[in-house]
């Protein structure tokens, strides 16, 4: 195998910000996992730096939390990935449109707060997830959208487990008081997954037709 075809050279290429709105050079589970961890590491660094800035600018700032359940964090994966990445990509086939969907997705995380005020917005959550825009975007356009969904849900579940065991919020499987919210999350996610699959088939047919012409 030539030096230019090693996994290390491919990773080096995909780590380069110039390639961040293009397909990955490889699509194995091992490779995609490395790339997801890479973007999460960048998000962590940005969050740490941002926390210093936020503490200086906002007096007595504390990152807010919202009620979470096992159901909500698991199904946030298919819900958010299909709505903001999968559907835009398979609907348009345009990487930039999909990037725009990702920007909307990341920006909405700043509203993960029970009180929408400048002093209580979820700045650190927003900073952390922003690099993940490129992880999801590139995974979808590489043809591995299912991996984006699964890795998103697993990551959410890990952080939920860490947060609830530390006492940041209750360890609940479902919201007993407003269980309809979780049911809506599950059913809407199912609809979005089905829609994404149908758009995927449509996209594939278009690609086949183009190749024949």
N, C-alpha and C. Protein backbone atom coordinates (compact mmCIF):
# COMPACT_ATOMS: atom_id res chain seq x y z
N UNK A 1 0.85 -1.21 0.00
CA UNK A 1 0.00 0.00 0.00
C UNK A 1 0.88 1.25 0.00
N UNK A 2 0.54 2.18 -0.87
CA UNK A 2 1.35 3.38 -0.95
C UNK A 2 1.11 4.26 0.26
N UNK A 3 2.08 5.11 0.54
CA UNK A 3 2.01 5.99 1.70
C UNK A 3 0.79 6.89 1.65
N UNK A 4 0.40 7.31 0.44
CA UNK A 4 -0.72 8.23 0.28
C UNK A 4 -2.07 7.57 0.56
N UNK A 5 -2.09 6.21 0.65
CA UNK A 5 -3.35 5.51 0.86
C UNK A 5 -3.49 4.95 2.27
N UNK A 6 -2.61 5.30 3.19
CA UNK A 6 -2.71 4.80 4.54
C UNK A 6 -3.82 5.52 5.29
N UNK A 7 -4.29 4.88 6.34
CA UNK A 7 -5.35 5.48 7.15
C UNK A 7 -4.86 6.77 7.80
N UNK A 8 -3.57 6.83 8.10
CA UNK A 8 -3.02 8.03 8.74
C UNK A 8 -3.03 9.23 7.79
N UNK A 9 -2.71 8.98 6.53
CA UNK A 9 -2.74 10.09 5.57
C UNK A 9 -4.18 10.52 5.30
N UNK A 10 -5.10 9.56 5.32
CA UNK A 10 -6.51 9.90 5.11
C UNK A 10 -7.06 10.70 6.30
N UNK A 11 -6.67 10.31 7.51
CA UNK A 11 -7.09 11.06 8.69
C UNK A 11 -6.51 12.47 8.67
N UNK A 12 -5.25 12.57 8.30
CA UNK A 12 -4.61 13.88 8.22
C UNK A 12 -5.36 14.78 7.25
N UNK A 13 -5.79 14.20 6.13
CA UNK A 13 -6.54 14.97 5.14
C UNK A 13 -7.90 15.38 5.70
N UNK A 14 -8.59 14.45 6.37
CA UNK A 14 -9.93 14.74 6.88
C UNK A 14 -9.91 15.63 8.12
N UNK A 15 -8.77 15.70 8.82
CA UNK A 15 -8.63 16.63 9.94
C UNK A 15 -8.48 18.07 9.46
N UNK A 16 -8.06 18.24 8.23
CA UNK A 16 -7.80 19.56 7.66
C UNK A 16 -9.12 20.31 7.46
N UNK A 17 -9.29 21.49 8.06
CA UNK A 17 -10.55 22.25 7.94
C UNK A 17 -10.99 22.51 6.50
N UNK A 18 -10.05 22.49 5.57
CA UNK A 18 -10.41 22.71 4.16
C UNK A 18 -11.38 21.64 3.67
N UNK A 19 -11.33 20.45 4.26
CA UNK A 19 -12.16 19.33 3.79
C UNK A 19 -13.45 19.15 4.59
N UNK A 20 -13.75 20.06 5.49
CA UNK A 20 -14.82 19.83 6.46
C UNK A 20 -16.24 19.86 5.91
N UNK A 21 -16.43 20.19 4.65
CA UNK A 21 -17.78 20.08 4.08
C UNK A 21 -17.78 19.09 2.91
N UNK A 22 -16.80 18.19 2.92
CA UNK A 22 -16.71 17.17 1.88
C UNK A 22 -16.80 15.78 2.51
N UNK A 23 -16.93 14.77 1.68
CA UNK A 23 -17.03 13.40 2.17
C UNK A 23 -15.74 12.97 2.87
N UNK A 24 -15.89 12.02 3.79
CA UNK A 24 -14.72 11.40 4.40
C UNK A 24 -14.01 10.54 3.37
N UNK A 25 -12.73 10.37 3.55
CA UNK A 25 -11.95 9.54 2.62
C UNK A 25 -12.20 8.05 2.85
N UNK A 26 -12.70 7.71 4.02
CA UNK A 26 -13.05 6.32 4.33
C UNK A 26 -14.40 6.32 5.05
N UNK A 27 -15.07 5.16 5.03
CA UNK A 27 -16.38 5.10 5.67
C UNK A 27 -16.54 3.91 6.61
N UNK A 28 -15.43 3.33 7.09
CA UNK A 28 -15.53 2.22 8.04
C UNK A 28 -16.00 2.76 9.39
N UNK A 29 -16.59 1.88 10.21
CA UNK A 29 -17.07 2.28 11.53
C UNK A 29 -15.91 2.80 12.38
N UNK A 30 -14.77 2.14 12.28
CA UNK A 30 -13.58 2.56 13.03
C UNK A 30 -13.18 3.99 12.66
N UNK A 31 -13.15 4.25 11.36
CA UNK A 31 -12.73 5.56 10.85
C UNK A 31 -13.73 6.64 11.26
N UNK A 32 -15.02 6.34 11.10
CA UNK A 32 -16.06 7.32 11.45
C UNK A 32 -16.05 7.63 12.95
N UNK A 33 -15.76 6.61 13.75
CA UNK A 33 -15.69 6.82 15.20
C UNK A 33 -14.56 7.77 15.56
N UNK A 34 -13.42 7.60 14.92
CA UNK A 34 -12.28 8.50 15.15
C UNK A 34 -12.66 9.93 14.81
N UNK A 35 -13.35 10.11 13.68
CA UNK A 35 -13.72 11.45 13.26
C UNK A 35 -14.74 12.09 14.21
N UNK A 36 -15.69 11.30 14.70
CA UNK A 36 -16.66 11.82 15.66
C UNK A 36 -15.95 12.28 16.94
N UNK A 37 -15.03 11.46 17.43
CA UNK A 37 -14.27 11.82 18.63
C UNK A 37 -13.41 13.06 18.38
N UNK A 38 -12.88 13.18 17.17
CA UNK A 38 -12.07 14.34 16.80
C UNK A 38 -12.88 15.62 16.92
N UNK A 39 -14.08 15.63 16.36
CA UNK A 39 -14.92 16.83 16.43
C UNK A 39 -15.42 17.11 17.84
N UNK A 40 -15.69 16.06 18.60
CA UNK A 40 -16.10 16.26 20.00
C UNK A 40 -14.95 16.83 20.83
N UNK A 41 -13.73 16.41 20.52
CA UNK A 41 -12.57 16.94 21.23
C UNK A 41 -12.42 18.43 20.95
N UNK A 42 -12.61 18.82 19.70
CA UNK A 42 -12.56 20.24 19.35
C UNK A 42 -13.65 21.00 20.11
N UNK A 43 -14.84 20.41 20.16
CA UNK A 43 -15.95 21.03 20.88
C UNK A 43 -15.63 21.21 22.35
N UNK A 44 -14.98 20.23 22.95
CA UNK A 44 -14.62 20.33 24.36
C UNK A 44 -13.63 21.47 24.60
N UNK A 45 -12.63 21.57 23.72
CA UNK A 45 -11.64 22.64 23.85
C UNK A 45 -12.29 24.01 23.71
N UNK A 46 -13.16 24.15 22.71
CA UNK A 46 -13.86 25.42 22.50
C UNK A 46 -14.74 25.75 23.70
N UNK A 47 -15.38 24.73 24.26
CA UNK A 47 -16.25 24.94 25.42
C UNK A 47 -15.45 25.43 26.63
N UNK A 48 -14.29 24.83 26.85
CA UNK A 48 -13.45 25.23 27.99
C UNK A 48 -13.00 26.68 27.83
N UNK A 49 -12.53 27.02 26.63
CA UNK A 49 -12.11 28.40 26.37
C UNK A 49 -13.30 29.35 26.50
N UNK A 50 -14.45 28.93 25.95
CA UNK A 50 -15.65 29.76 26.01
C UNK A 50 -16.14 29.98 27.43
N UNK A 51 -15.96 28.96 28.28
CA UNK A 51 -16.42 29.10 29.67
C UNK A 51 -15.66 30.21 30.39
N UNK A 52 -14.39 30.37 30.05
CA UNK A 52 -13.59 31.43 30.65
C UNK A 52 -14.12 32.80 30.22
N UNK A 53 -14.43 32.91 28.93
CA UNK A 53 -14.94 34.17 28.39
C UNK A 53 -16.32 34.48 28.98
N UNK A 54 -17.19 33.46 29.03
CA UNK A 54 -18.55 33.67 29.55
C UNK A 54 -18.51 34.08 31.01
N UNK A 55 -17.63 33.46 31.79
CA UNK A 55 -17.52 33.81 33.21
C UNK A 55 -17.09 35.27 33.41
N UNK A 56 -16.30 35.76 32.47
CA UNK A 56 -15.85 37.15 32.55
C UNK A 56 -16.96 38.11 32.15
N UNK A 57 -17.69 37.74 31.10
CA UNK A 57 -18.72 38.64 30.55
C UNK A 57 -20.02 38.59 31.34
N UNK A 58 -20.41 37.38 31.76
CA UNK A 58 -21.70 37.21 32.46
C UNK A 58 -21.43 36.94 33.94
N UNK A 59 -21.93 37.81 34.79
CA UNK A 59 -21.71 37.66 36.23
C UNK A 59 -22.45 36.45 36.80
N UNK A 60 -21.71 35.68 37.62
CA UNK A 60 -22.29 34.51 38.30
C UNK A 60 -23.00 33.57 37.33
N UNK A 61 -22.38 33.32 36.20
CA UNK A 61 -23.01 32.46 35.19
C UNK A 61 -22.95 30.99 35.59
N UNK A 62 -24.06 30.30 35.36
CA UNK A 62 -24.13 28.86 35.58
C UNK A 62 -24.85 28.24 34.39
N UNK A 63 -24.23 27.24 33.78
CA UNK A 63 -24.84 26.60 32.61
C UNK A 63 -26.19 25.99 32.99
N UNK A 64 -27.27 26.38 32.29
CA UNK A 64 -28.60 25.88 32.65
C UNK A 64 -28.80 24.44 32.20
N UNK A 65 -29.78 23.80 32.78
CA UNK A 65 -30.18 22.45 32.37
C UNK A 65 -31.68 22.44 32.17
N UNK A 66 -32.14 21.53 31.33
CA UNK A 66 -33.57 21.37 31.10
C UNK A 66 -33.93 19.92 31.44
N UNK A 67 -35.21 19.65 31.75
CA UNK A 67 -35.62 18.29 32.10
C UNK A 67 -35.30 17.30 30.98
N UNK A 68 -34.64 16.21 31.33
CA UNK A 68 -34.27 15.20 30.36
C UNK A 68 -34.73 13.82 30.84
N UNK A 69 -34.94 12.92 29.88
CA UNK A 69 -35.26 11.54 30.20
C UNK A 69 -34.47 10.64 29.26
N UNK A 70 -34.40 9.37 29.59
CA UNK A 70 -33.70 8.43 28.71
C UNK A 70 -34.32 8.44 27.31
N UNK A 71 -35.66 8.48 27.27
CA UNK A 71 -36.36 8.49 25.98
C UNK A 71 -35.98 9.72 25.17
N UNK A 72 -35.98 10.89 25.80
CA UNK A 72 -35.72 12.13 25.07
C UNK A 72 -34.29 12.19 24.54
N UNK A 73 -33.31 11.72 25.32
CA UNK A 73 -31.93 11.81 24.85
C UNK A 73 -31.63 10.78 23.77
N UNK A 74 -32.25 9.61 23.85
CA UNK A 74 -32.03 8.60 22.81
C UNK A 74 -32.66 9.03 21.50
N UNK A 75 -33.91 9.49 21.58
CA UNK A 75 -34.61 9.82 20.34
C UNK A 75 -34.27 11.22 19.81
N UNK A 76 -33.48 11.97 20.57
CA UNK A 76 -32.94 13.22 20.02
C UNK A 76 -32.02 12.90 18.85
N UNK A 77 -31.37 11.74 18.90
CA UNK A 77 -30.48 11.33 17.81
C UNK A 77 -31.19 11.26 16.47
N UNK A 78 -32.17 10.36 16.32
CA UNK A 78 -32.89 10.29 15.03
C UNK A 78 -33.68 11.54 14.71
N UNK A 79 -34.26 12.19 15.73
CA UNK A 79 -35.06 13.39 15.50
C UNK A 79 -34.20 14.50 14.90
N UNK A 80 -33.10 14.83 15.56
CA UNK A 80 -32.27 15.96 15.13
C UNK A 80 -31.45 15.64 13.89
N UNK A 81 -30.91 14.43 13.81
CA UNK A 81 -30.08 14.08 12.66
C UNK A 81 -30.88 14.05 11.36
N UNK A 82 -32.08 13.49 11.41
CA UNK A 82 -32.89 13.43 10.19
C UNK A 82 -33.43 14.80 9.80
N UNK A 83 -33.94 15.54 10.81
CA UNK A 83 -34.56 16.83 10.52
C UNK A 83 -33.57 17.85 9.99
N UNK A 84 -32.39 17.94 10.60
CA UNK A 84 -31.45 19.00 10.27
C UNK A 84 -30.35 18.59 9.30
N UNK A 85 -30.16 17.29 9.11
CA UNK A 85 -29.10 16.84 8.21
C UNK A 85 -29.60 15.91 7.11
N UNK A 86 -30.21 14.80 7.49
CA UNK A 86 -30.63 13.81 6.51
C UNK A 86 -31.65 14.32 5.51
N UNK A 87 -32.71 14.91 6.02
CA UNK A 87 -33.76 15.42 5.13
C UNK A 87 -33.25 16.53 4.22
N UNK A 88 -32.55 17.55 4.75
CA UNK A 88 -32.00 18.59 3.85
C UNK A 88 -31.07 18.03 2.78
N UNK A 89 -30.24 17.05 3.17
CA UNK A 89 -29.28 16.52 2.19
C UNK A 89 -29.97 15.71 1.10
N UNK A 90 -30.83 14.76 1.49
CA UNK A 90 -31.47 13.92 0.48
C UNK A 90 -32.56 14.67 -0.30
N UNK A 91 -33.03 15.76 0.26
CA UNK A 91 -34.02 16.58 -0.45
C UNK A 91 -33.36 17.43 -1.53
N UNK A 92 -32.17 17.94 -1.25
CA UNK A 92 -31.51 18.86 -2.18
C UNK A 92 -30.22 18.30 -2.79
N UNK A 93 -29.57 17.38 -2.08
CA UNK A 93 -28.28 16.87 -2.56
C UNK A 93 -27.19 17.90 -2.47
N UNK A 94 -27.43 18.96 -1.72
CA UNK A 94 -26.49 20.08 -1.64
C UNK A 94 -25.82 20.12 -0.26
N UNK A 95 -24.50 20.07 -0.25
CA UNK A 95 -23.75 20.08 1.01
C UNK A 95 -23.95 21.38 1.79
N UNK A 96 -24.04 22.49 1.09
CA UNK A 96 -24.17 23.79 1.75
C UNK A 96 -25.54 23.95 2.40
N UNK A 97 -26.57 23.43 1.75
CA UNK A 97 -27.91 23.46 2.34
C UNK A 97 -27.92 22.62 3.61
N UNK A 98 -27.25 21.48 3.56
CA UNK A 98 -27.16 20.61 4.73
C UNK A 98 -26.36 21.29 5.83
N UNK A 99 -25.33 22.01 5.46
CA UNK A 99 -24.54 22.78 6.43
C UNK A 99 -25.42 23.83 7.11
N UNK A 100 -26.28 24.46 6.34
CA UNK A 100 -27.19 25.46 6.90
C UNK A 100 -28.13 24.81 7.92
N UNK A 101 -28.60 23.62 7.61
CA UNK A 101 -29.44 22.89 8.56
C UNK A 101 -28.68 22.61 9.85
N UNK A 102 -27.40 22.27 9.71
CA UNK A 102 -26.56 22.03 10.87
C UNK A 102 -26.35 23.27 11.71
N UNK A 103 -26.21 24.40 11.06
CA UNK A 103 -26.03 25.67 11.78
C UNK A 103 -27.27 26.00 12.60
N UNK A 104 -28.44 25.74 12.02
CA UNK A 104 -29.69 25.97 12.75
C UNK A 104 -29.75 25.03 13.96
N UNK A 105 -29.38 23.76 13.73
CA UNK A 105 -29.39 22.76 14.81
C UNK A 105 -28.50 23.19 15.98
N UNK A 106 -27.27 23.59 15.66
CA UNK A 106 -26.33 23.99 16.72
C UNK A 106 -26.83 25.24 17.44
N UNK A 107 -27.35 26.19 16.68
CA UNK A 107 -27.81 27.45 17.28
C UNK A 107 -28.96 27.24 18.25
N UNK A 108 -29.82 26.27 17.96
CA UNK A 108 -30.97 26.01 18.84
C UNK A 108 -30.53 25.50 20.21
N UNK A 109 -29.33 24.95 20.29
CA UNK A 109 -28.85 24.43 21.58
C UNK A 109 -28.62 25.53 22.60
N UNK A 110 -28.46 26.76 22.14
CA UNK A 110 -28.26 27.86 23.07
C UNK A 110 -29.55 28.14 23.87
N UNK A 111 -30.67 27.60 23.37
CA UNK A 111 -31.96 27.79 24.02
C UNK A 111 -32.30 26.63 24.97
N UNK A 112 -31.33 25.77 25.24
CA UNK A 112 -31.55 24.68 26.21
C UNK A 112 -31.55 25.24 27.63
N UNK A 113 -32.54 26.03 27.91
CA UNK A 113 -32.63 26.72 29.19
C UNK A 113 -34.09 26.93 29.55
N UNK A 114 -34.44 26.82 30.82
CA UNK A 114 -35.84 27.06 31.21
C UNK A 114 -36.23 28.53 31.14
N UNK A 115 -35.23 29.43 31.15
CA UNK A 115 -35.50 30.87 31.12
C UNK A 115 -34.68 31.51 30.01
N UNK A 116 -35.36 32.03 29.00
CA UNK A 116 -34.65 32.63 27.85
C UNK A 116 -34.26 34.06 28.18
N UNK A 117 -33.09 34.20 28.78
CA UNK A 117 -32.51 35.50 29.10
C UNK A 117 -31.03 35.46 28.73
N UNK A 118 -30.48 36.61 28.41
CA UNK A 118 -29.08 36.69 28.00
C UNK A 118 -28.16 36.08 29.05
N UNK A 119 -28.49 36.26 30.30
CA UNK A 119 -27.63 35.79 31.39
C UNK A 119 -27.80 34.31 31.70
N UNK A 120 -28.78 33.65 31.04
CA UNK A 120 -29.03 32.25 31.38
C UNK A 120 -29.14 31.35 30.15
N UNK A 121 -28.59 31.79 29.02
CA UNK A 121 -28.59 30.95 27.82
C UNK A 121 -27.53 29.86 27.94
N UNK A 122 -27.71 28.79 27.18
CA UNK A 122 -26.80 27.64 27.26
C UNK A 122 -25.61 27.84 26.32
N UNK A 123 -24.77 28.80 26.65
CA UNK A 123 -23.63 29.14 25.79
C UNK A 123 -22.65 27.98 25.64
N UNK A 124 -22.37 27.29 26.71
CA UNK A 124 -21.35 26.24 26.67
C UNK A 124 -21.83 25.03 25.88
N UNK A 125 -23.11 24.71 26.01
CA UNK A 125 -23.68 23.62 25.21
C UNK A 125 -23.58 23.95 23.73
N UNK A 126 -23.93 25.18 23.40
CA UNK A 126 -23.85 25.64 22.01
C UNK A 126 -22.43 25.56 21.47
N UNK A 127 -21.47 26.02 22.25
CA UNK A 127 -20.07 25.97 21.82
C UNK A 127 -19.59 24.54 21.63
N UNK A 128 -20.03 23.66 22.53
CA UNK A 128 -19.58 22.27 22.46
C UNK A 128 -20.09 21.56 21.21
N UNK A 129 -21.37 21.78 20.87
CA UNK A 129 -21.96 21.03 19.76
C UNK A 129 -21.61 21.61 18.38
N UNK A 130 -21.17 22.86 18.34
CA UNK A 130 -20.93 23.50 17.04
C UNK A 130 -19.98 22.72 16.13
N UNK A 131 -18.82 22.23 16.60
CA UNK A 131 -17.96 21.44 15.70
C UNK A 131 -18.62 20.15 15.22
N UNK A 132 -19.60 19.65 15.98
CA UNK A 132 -20.28 18.41 15.59
C UNK A 132 -21.15 18.60 14.35
N UNK A 133 -21.39 19.85 13.97
CA UNK A 133 -22.08 20.12 12.70
C UNK A 133 -21.36 19.39 11.58
N UNK A 134 -20.04 19.49 11.58
CA UNK A 134 -19.25 18.93 10.49
C UNK A 134 -19.18 17.40 10.57
N UNK A 135 -19.21 16.87 11.79
CA UNK A 135 -19.23 15.42 11.96
C UNK A 135 -20.49 14.83 11.35
N UNK A 136 -21.64 15.43 11.68
CA UNK A 136 -22.91 14.94 11.15
C UNK A 136 -23.01 15.17 9.65
N UNK A 137 -22.68 16.38 9.22
CA UNK A 137 -22.72 16.71 7.79
C UNK A 137 -21.92 15.71 6.98
N UNK A 138 -20.67 15.49 7.37
CA UNK A 138 -19.78 14.64 6.59
C UNK A 138 -20.19 13.17 6.64
N UNK A 139 -20.76 12.75 7.77
CA UNK A 139 -21.22 11.37 7.88
C UNK A 139 -22.40 11.12 6.95
N UNK A 140 -23.32 12.08 6.89
CA UNK A 140 -24.47 11.93 6.01
C UNK A 140 -24.06 11.93 4.53
N UNK A 141 -23.22 12.86 4.13
CA UNK A 141 -22.86 12.93 2.72
C UNK A 141 -21.92 11.81 2.31
N UNK A 142 -21.34 11.13 3.29
CA UNK A 142 -20.51 9.96 3.00
C UNK A 142 -21.38 8.72 2.82
N UNK A 143 -22.67 8.85 3.13
CA UNK A 143 -23.59 7.74 2.95
C UNK A 143 -23.78 6.89 4.18
N UNK A 144 -23.42 7.41 5.36
CA UNK A 144 -23.54 6.66 6.60
C UNK A 144 -24.42 7.41 7.61
N UNK A 145 -25.57 7.85 7.15
CA UNK A 145 -26.46 8.59 8.02
C UNK A 145 -26.89 7.81 9.25
N UNK A 146 -27.05 6.50 9.08
CA UNK A 146 -27.45 5.68 10.23
C UNK A 146 -26.42 5.76 11.35
N UNK A 147 -25.12 5.89 10.98
CA UNK A 147 -24.07 5.99 11.98
C UNK A 147 -24.17 7.33 12.72
N UNK A 148 -24.52 8.38 12.00
CA UNK A 148 -24.70 9.69 12.63
C UNK A 148 -25.81 9.63 13.67
N UNK A 149 -26.88 8.92 13.35
CA UNK A 149 -28.01 8.78 14.27
C UNK A 149 -27.60 8.00 15.52
N UNK A 150 -26.98 6.85 15.29
CA UNK A 150 -26.61 5.97 16.41
C UNK A 150 -25.57 6.63 17.32
N UNK A 151 -24.53 7.22 16.71
CA UNK A 151 -23.48 7.85 17.52
C UNK A 151 -24.02 9.06 18.29
N UNK A 152 -24.94 9.79 17.69
CA UNK A 152 -25.57 10.93 18.35
C UNK A 152 -26.34 10.46 19.59
N UNK A 153 -27.12 9.41 19.44
CA UNK A 153 -27.91 8.89 20.55
C UNK A 153 -27.02 8.33 21.66
N UNK A 154 -25.97 7.62 21.26
CA UNK A 154 -25.06 7.04 22.26
C UNK A 154 -24.36 8.14 23.04
N UNK A 155 -23.90 9.17 22.34
CA UNK A 155 -23.22 10.29 23.00
C UNK A 155 -24.17 10.98 23.99
N UNK A 156 -25.41 11.21 23.56
CA UNK A 156 -26.40 11.83 24.45
C UNK A 156 -26.64 10.97 25.69
N UNK A 157 -26.73 9.66 25.48
CA UNK A 157 -27.01 8.75 26.58
C UNK A 157 -25.86 8.72 27.58
N UNK A 158 -24.63 8.79 27.09
CA UNK A 158 -23.45 8.81 27.97
C UNK A 158 -23.49 10.05 28.86
N UNK A 159 -23.77 11.21 28.25
CA UNK A 159 -23.80 12.45 29.02
C UNK A 159 -25.00 12.50 29.97
N UNK A 160 -26.10 11.89 29.54
CA UNK A 160 -27.26 11.83 30.43
C UNK A 160 -26.93 10.98 31.66
N UNK A 161 -26.29 9.84 31.44
CA UNK A 161 -25.92 8.95 32.54
C UNK A 161 -24.97 9.66 33.50
N UNK A 162 -24.01 10.39 32.93
CA UNK A 162 -23.05 11.12 33.77
C UNK A 162 -23.75 12.20 34.58
N UNK A 163 -24.66 12.93 33.93
CA UNK A 163 -25.36 14.03 34.60
C UNK A 163 -26.30 13.57 35.69
N UNK A 164 -27.04 12.49 35.42
CA UNK A 164 -28.01 12.05 36.42
C UNK A 164 -27.33 11.36 37.60
N UNK A 165 -26.23 10.66 37.36
CA UNK A 165 -25.51 10.03 38.47
C UNK A 165 -24.81 11.08 39.34
N UNK A 166 -24.49 12.24 38.74
CA UNK A 166 -23.88 13.33 39.51
C UNK A 166 -24.91 14.21 40.20
N UNK A 167 -26.19 13.93 39.96
CA UNK A 167 -27.25 14.68 40.62
C UNK A 167 -27.63 15.98 39.93
N UNK A 168 -27.19 16.18 38.68
CA UNK A 168 -27.53 17.41 37.95
C UNK A 168 -29.01 17.43 37.58
N UNK A 169 -29.58 16.24 37.33
CA UNK A 169 -31.00 16.13 37.03
C UNK A 169 -31.44 14.70 37.35
N UNK A 170 -32.75 14.48 37.50
CA UNK A 170 -33.26 13.16 37.87
C UNK A 170 -32.96 12.10 36.81
N UNK A 171 -32.71 10.88 37.25
CA UNK A 171 -32.47 9.76 36.32
C UNK A 171 -33.83 9.13 35.99
N UNK A 172 -34.47 9.66 34.97
CA UNK A 172 -35.81 9.19 34.60
C UNK A 172 -35.81 8.57 33.22
N UNK A 173 -36.51 7.48 33.06
CA UNK A 173 -36.63 6.84 31.74
C UNK A 173 -37.63 7.62 30.90
N UNK A 174 -38.73 8.02 31.52
CA UNK A 174 -39.77 8.78 30.82
C UNK A 174 -40.30 9.86 31.76
N UNK A 175 -40.78 10.93 31.19
CA UNK A 175 -41.34 12.02 31.99
C UNK A 175 -42.75 11.63 32.43
N UNK A 176 -42.88 11.23 33.70
CA UNK A 176 -44.18 10.75 34.19
C UNK A 176 -45.26 11.82 34.13
N UNK A 177 -44.91 13.07 34.40
CA UNK A 177 -45.91 14.15 34.42
C UNK A 177 -46.33 14.55 33.02
N UNK A 178 -45.38 14.67 32.12
CA UNK A 178 -45.67 15.07 30.74
C UNK A 178 -45.18 13.99 29.78
N UNK A 179 -45.68 12.77 29.99
CA UNK A 179 -45.22 11.64 29.17
C UNK A 179 -45.58 11.79 27.69
N UNK A 180 -46.58 12.64 27.40
CA UNK A 180 -46.97 12.86 26.01
C UNK A 180 -45.83 13.51 25.22
N UNK A 181 -44.98 14.26 25.91
CA UNK A 181 -43.84 14.89 25.24
C UNK A 181 -42.89 13.82 24.72
N UNK A 182 -42.61 12.83 25.55
CA UNK A 182 -41.72 11.74 25.14
C UNK A 182 -42.36 10.89 24.04
N UNK A 183 -43.65 10.67 24.15
CA UNK A 183 -44.36 9.91 23.12
C UNK A 183 -44.30 10.65 21.79
N UNK A 184 -44.46 11.97 21.84
CA UNK A 184 -44.39 12.79 20.63
C UNK A 184 -42.99 12.73 20.03
N UNK A 185 -41.98 12.71 20.90
CA UNK A 185 -40.59 12.61 20.45
C UNK A 185 -40.37 11.32 19.67
N UNK A 186 -40.87 10.22 20.23
CA UNK A 186 -40.69 8.91 19.60
C UNK A 186 -41.43 8.83 18.27
N UNK A 187 -42.70 9.24 18.27
CA UNK A 187 -43.50 9.15 17.05
C UNK A 187 -43.00 10.07 15.95
N UNK A 188 -42.60 11.29 16.33
CA UNK A 188 -42.07 12.23 15.33
C UNK A 188 -40.75 11.72 14.76
N UNK A 189 -39.93 11.14 15.59
CA UNK A 189 -38.65 10.57 15.13
C UNK A 189 -38.91 9.47 14.11
N UNK A 190 -39.92 8.64 14.38
CA UNK A 190 -40.26 7.55 13.46
C UNK A 190 -40.69 8.11 12.10
N UNK A 191 -41.49 9.17 12.14
CA UNK A 191 -41.95 9.80 10.90
C UNK A 191 -40.77 10.38 10.12
N UNK A 192 -39.87 11.04 10.81
CA UNK A 192 -38.71 11.65 10.16
C UNK A 192 -37.77 10.59 9.58
N UNK A 193 -37.62 9.47 10.28
CA UNK A 193 -36.78 8.38 9.77
C UNK A 193 -37.38 7.82 8.49
N UNK A 194 -38.68 7.62 8.48
CA UNK A 194 -39.36 7.10 7.29
C UNK A 194 -39.22 8.09 6.13
N UNK A 195 -39.44 9.36 6.41
CA UNK A 195 -39.31 10.39 5.37
C UNK A 195 -37.89 10.44 4.83
N UNK A 196 -36.92 10.34 5.72
CA UNK A 196 -35.52 10.36 5.29
C UNK A 196 -35.21 9.16 4.40
N UNK A 197 -35.74 8.01 4.76
CA UNK A 197 -35.51 6.80 3.95
C UNK A 197 -36.13 6.94 2.56
N UNK A 198 -37.32 7.48 2.50
CA UNK A 198 -37.98 7.68 1.20
C UNK A 198 -37.19 8.67 0.35
N UNK A 199 -36.70 9.74 0.98
CA UNK A 199 -35.88 10.72 0.25
C UNK A 199 -34.55 10.11 -0.18
N UNK A 200 -34.03 9.21 0.64
CA UNK A 200 -32.79 8.50 0.29
C UNK A 200 -33.00 7.66 -0.96
N UNK A 201 -34.11 6.94 -1.04
CA UNK A 201 -34.40 6.13 -2.23
C UNK A 201 -34.55 7.02 -3.46
N UNK A 202 -35.22 8.14 -3.29
CA UNK A 202 -35.39 9.10 -4.38
C UNK A 202 -34.03 9.63 -4.84
N UNK A 203 -33.17 9.94 -3.87
CA UNK A 203 -31.83 10.45 -4.17
C UNK A 203 -31.02 9.42 -4.92
N UNK A 204 -31.11 8.17 -4.48
CA UNK A 204 -30.37 7.09 -5.15
C UNK A 204 -30.82 6.93 -6.59
N UNK A 205 -32.12 6.98 -6.81
CA UNK A 205 -32.65 6.85 -8.17
C UNK A 205 -32.14 7.97 -9.07
N UNK A 206 -32.05 9.18 -8.50
CA UNK A 206 -31.52 10.30 -9.27
C UNK A 206 -30.07 10.07 -9.65
N UNK A 207 -29.29 9.55 -8.70
CA UNK A 207 -27.88 9.29 -8.95
C UNK A 207 -27.71 8.22 -10.02
N UNK A 208 -28.55 7.20 -9.97
CA UNK A 208 -28.49 6.13 -10.97
C UNK A 208 -28.84 6.69 -12.35
N UNK A 209 -29.88 7.52 -12.41
CA UNK A 209 -30.31 8.10 -13.69
C UNK A 209 -29.21 8.97 -14.28
N UNK A 210 -28.52 9.74 -13.43
CA UNK A 210 -27.43 10.60 -13.89
C UNK A 210 -26.28 9.77 -14.45
N UNK A 211 -25.98 8.65 -13.78
CA UNK A 211 -24.86 7.82 -14.21
C UNK A 211 -25.15 7.13 -15.54
N UNK A 212 -26.43 6.81 -15.76
CA UNK A 212 -26.81 6.19 -17.03
C UNK A 212 -26.71 7.17 -18.19
N UNK A 213 -27.10 8.43 -17.92
CA UNK A 213 -27.02 9.46 -18.96
C UNK A 213 -25.57 9.80 -19.29
